Amino acid sequence: MRTSDAERQRVADFLRDACGDGRLSPEELEERLDQLFAGSTVADIAVLVRDLPGGGAVIPRLDRRAVPRRVVAASVPARRRHTSPAVPIGATLLVGGLAWLVFAALPPLLGIMLGAIALSIAVVVLMFAVAMAPVGLVLFGIAWIVQRMLRGQRAHPFGWPGGPRMRR
């Protein structure tokens, strides 16, 4: 089915909004707009908006009362936003700098006392983590051994009720 200029303009506005929301890069927007105005059928429009949320709503239909059709989306690789490795380092430096400012603003004796308290709390937390690591490893080992021993023995046709289904 061929599309009108008004329908193409509505899709172009939708694509521009998607670019404004960060779902499309400006290069992708230009490419899709070129394809939009070069094509003339509903199928051409469906290809351009099928991977965008709400894209099915802007695809023209013959009967306006009809329920919007579902367009099967092609497997489009998801764009990932990679966090920079500098983010945790920057956050640590920021917190350290703020702590330094707080301790520098205090009288010297109070600053030394609060620093000693903070250091003792850090030592206690570290000692607790070191003491609990073997317990966690032992529990993990027991769970792994039990899982290996029970593999293949099923009391329930699909494993235990609510449990994962294992393949043989």
Protein backbone atom coordinates (compact mmCIF):
# COMPACT_ATOMS: atom_id res chain seq x y z
CA MET A 1 0.00 0.00 0.00
CA ARG A 2 1.35 3.43 -0.88
CA THR A 3 1.69 6.15 1.73
CA SER A 4 0.80 9.82 1.63
CA ASP A 5 3.13 12.76 2.28
CA ALA A 6 1.33 13.45 5.58
CA GLU A 7 1.97 9.88 6.74
CA ARG A 8 5.63 10.13 5.78
CA GLN A 9 5.88 13.44 7.64
CA ARG A 10 4.35 11.86 10.76
CA VAL A 11 6.96 9.06 10.61
CA ALA A 12 9.72 11.65 10.08
CA ASP A 13 8.57 13.51 13.20
CA PHE A 14 8.57 10.20 15.11
CA LEU A 15 12.14 9.47 13.96
CA ARG A 16 13.28 12.98 14.96
CA ASP A 17 11.72 12.48 18.42
CA ALA A 18 13.54 9.14 18.72
CA CYS A 19 16.80 10.90 17.89
CA GLY A 20 16.02 13.57 20.48
CA ASP A 21 15.43 10.80 23.06
CA GLY A 22 18.82 9.29 22.25
CA ARG A 23 17.42 6.14 20.61
CA LEU A 24 18.97 7.07 17.25
CA SER A 25 22.24 8.78 16.46
CA PRO A 26 22.12 11.77 14.10
CA GLU A 27 23.76 9.64 11.39
CA GLU A 28 21.08 6.95 11.79
CA LEU A 29 18.39 9.63 11.66
CA GLU A 30 19.72 11.03 8.38
CA GLU A 31 19.97 7.55 6.88
CA ARG A 32 16.43 6.62 7.93
CA LEU A 33 14.98 9.93 6.70
CA ASP A 34 16.64 9.40 3.31
CA GLN A 35 15.13 5.89 3.13
CA LEU A 36 11.76 7.20 4.29
CA PHE A 37 11.40 9.81 1.57
CA ALA A 38 12.89 7.49 -1.08
CA GLY A 39 10.35 4.74 -0.29
CA SER A 40 6.66 4.97 -0.95
CA THR A 41 4.99 1.96 0.67
CA VAL A 42 3.88 0.99 4.16
CA ALA A 43 6.44 -1.84 4.13
CA ASP A 44 9.23 0.73 3.63
CA ILE A 45 8.02 2.63 6.70
CA ALA A 46 7.64 -0.54 8.78
CA VAL A 47 11.30 -1.42 8.20
CA LEU A 48 12.40 2.00 9.45
CA VAL A 49 10.46 2.06 12.74
CA ARG A 50 10.13 -1.59 13.77
CA ASP A 51 13.09 -1.51 16.21
CA LEU A 52 11.90 1.64 18.01
CA PRO A 53 9.43 1.63 20.92
CA GLY A 54 6.05 2.84 19.72
CA GLY A 55 7.04 2.39 16.08
CA GLY A 56 4.00 0.25 15.33
CA ALA A 57 1.71 3.18 16.14
CA VAL A 58 3.03 5.34 13.29
CA ILE A 59 2.74 2.67 10.58
CA PRO A 60 -0.19 3.70 8.34
CA ARG A 61 -3.20 1.35 8.07
CA LEU A 62 -6.09 1.19 5.63
CA ASP A 63 -8.77 0.94 8.32
CA ARG A 64 -8.14 3.50 11.07
CA ARG A 65 -10.40 1.56 13.47
CA ALA A 66 -8.33 -1.59 13.12
CA VAL A 67 -5.97 -2.75 15.82
CA PRO A 68 -2.34 -1.85 15.03
CA ARG A 69 -0.49 -4.79 13.54
CA ARG A 70 2.55 -6.20 15.19
CA VAL A 71 5.65 -5.96 13.07
CA VAL A 72 8.21 -8.64 13.77
CA ALA A 73 11.41 -6.87 14.67
CA ALA A 74 14.62 -8.01 13.08
CA SER A 75 17.47 -8.83 15.37
CA VAL A 76 19.08 -5.45 15.80
CA PRO A 77 22.16 -5.46 17.99
CA ALA A 78 21.46 -3.52 21.16
CA ARG A 79 23.64 -0.49 21.70
CA ARG A 80 25.37 -0.67 25.03
CA ARG A 81 26.47 2.28 27.02
CA HIS A 82 29.87 1.40 28.30
CA THR A 83 30.84 3.05 31.53
CA SER A 84 34.30 4.43 31.58
CA PRO A 85 36.82 2.80 33.92
CA ALA A 86 37.51 6.30 35.19
CA VAL A 87 34.08 6.53 36.86
CA PRO A 88 34.92 4.45 39.98
CA ILE A 89 38.33 6.10 40.25
CA GLY A 90 36.78 9.56 39.98
CA ALA A 91 34.12 8.71 42.56
CA THR A 92 36.79 7.44 44.96
CA LEU A 93 38.86 10.59 44.49
CA LEU A 94 35.78 12.78 45.00
CA VAL A 95 34.81 11.03 48.25
CA GLY A 96 38.42 11.11 49.44
CA GLY A 97 38.69 14.82 48.65
CA LEU A 98 35.46 15.60 50.49
CA ALA A 99 36.64 13.58 53.50
CA TRP A 100 39.95 15.46 53.43
CA LEU A 101 38.08 18.78 53.40
CA VAL A 102 35.92 17.71 56.34
CA PHE A 103 38.94 16.55 58.38
CA ALA A 104 40.90 19.70 57.45
CA ALA A 105 38.07 21.91 58.70
CA LEU A 106 37.98 20.22 62.12
CA PRO A 107 40.23 21.09 65.02
CA PRO A 108 43.38 18.90 64.92
CA LEU A 109 42.61 16.74 67.96
CA LEU A 110 39.02 16.05 66.81
CA GLY A 111 40.26 15.24 63.31
CA ILE A 112 42.77 12.74 64.68
CA MET A 113 40.10 11.10 66.83
CA LEU A 114 37.61 10.81 63.97
CA GLY A 115 40.35 9.51 61.66
CA ALA A 116 41.28 6.84 64.22
CA ILE A 117 37.62 5.81 64.55
CA ALA A 118 37.22 5.59 60.76
CA LEU A 119 40.44 3.56 60.47
CA SER A 120 39.35 1.16 63.22
CA ILE A 121 35.98 0.62 61.54
CA ALA A 122 37.73 -0.10 58.23
CA VAL A 123 40.02 -2.63 59.96
CA VAL A 124 37.05 -4.39 61.61
CA VAL A 125 35.17 -4.62 58.29
CA LEU A 126 38.27 -5.99 56.54
CA MET A 127 38.85 -8.56 59.30
CA PHE A 128 35.20 -9.67 59.09
CA ALA A 129 35.49 -10.08 55.30
CA VAL A 130 38.69 -12.11 55.65
CA ALA A 131 37.13 -14.27 58.39
CA MET A 132 33.95 -14.94 56.40
CA ALA A 133 35.64 -15.79 53.08
CA PRO A 134 36.46 -19.40 54.08
CA VAL A 135 32.88 -19.90 55.31
CA GLY A 136 31.52 -18.75 51.96
CA LEU A 137 33.94 -21.01 50.09
CA VAL A 138 32.96 -24.02 52.22
CA LEU A 139 29.25 -23.39 51.64
CA PHE A 140 29.83 -23.00 47.90
CA GLY A 141 31.84 -26.24 47.86
CA ILE A 142 29.13 -28.16 49.73
CA ALA A 143 26.45 -26.88 47.36
CA TRP A 144 28.58 -27.83 44.33
CA ILE A 145 29.22 -31.37 45.68
CA VAL A 146 25.54 -31.91 46.53
CA GLN A 147 24.52 -30.71 43.07
CA ARG A 148 27.00 -33.14 41.45
CA MET A 149 25.85 -36.04 43.63
CA LEU A 150 22.16 -35.44 42.92
CA ARG A 151 22.58 -34.95 39.19
CA GLY A 152 20.44 -37.50 37.41
CA GLN A 153 18.44 -38.52 40.50
CA ARG A 154 15.02 -36.92 40.35
CA ALA A 155 12.19 -37.37 42.80
CA HIS A 156 9.98 -35.06 40.72
CA PRO A 157 9.61 -35.50 36.93
CA PHE A 158 11.10 -32.04 36.33
CA GLY A 159 13.55 -31.88 39.24
CA TRP A 160 12.36 -30.52 42.55
CA PRO A 161 9.23 -28.39 42.43
CA GLY A 162 10.16 -24.84 41.58
CA GLY A 163 13.76 -25.80 40.86
CA PRO A 164 15.69 -25.51 37.61
CA ARG A 165 15.21 -28.12 34.93
CA MET A 166 18.42 -29.99 34.17
CA ARG A 167 19.19 -31.55 30.80
CA ARG A 168 20.75 -34.97 30.56
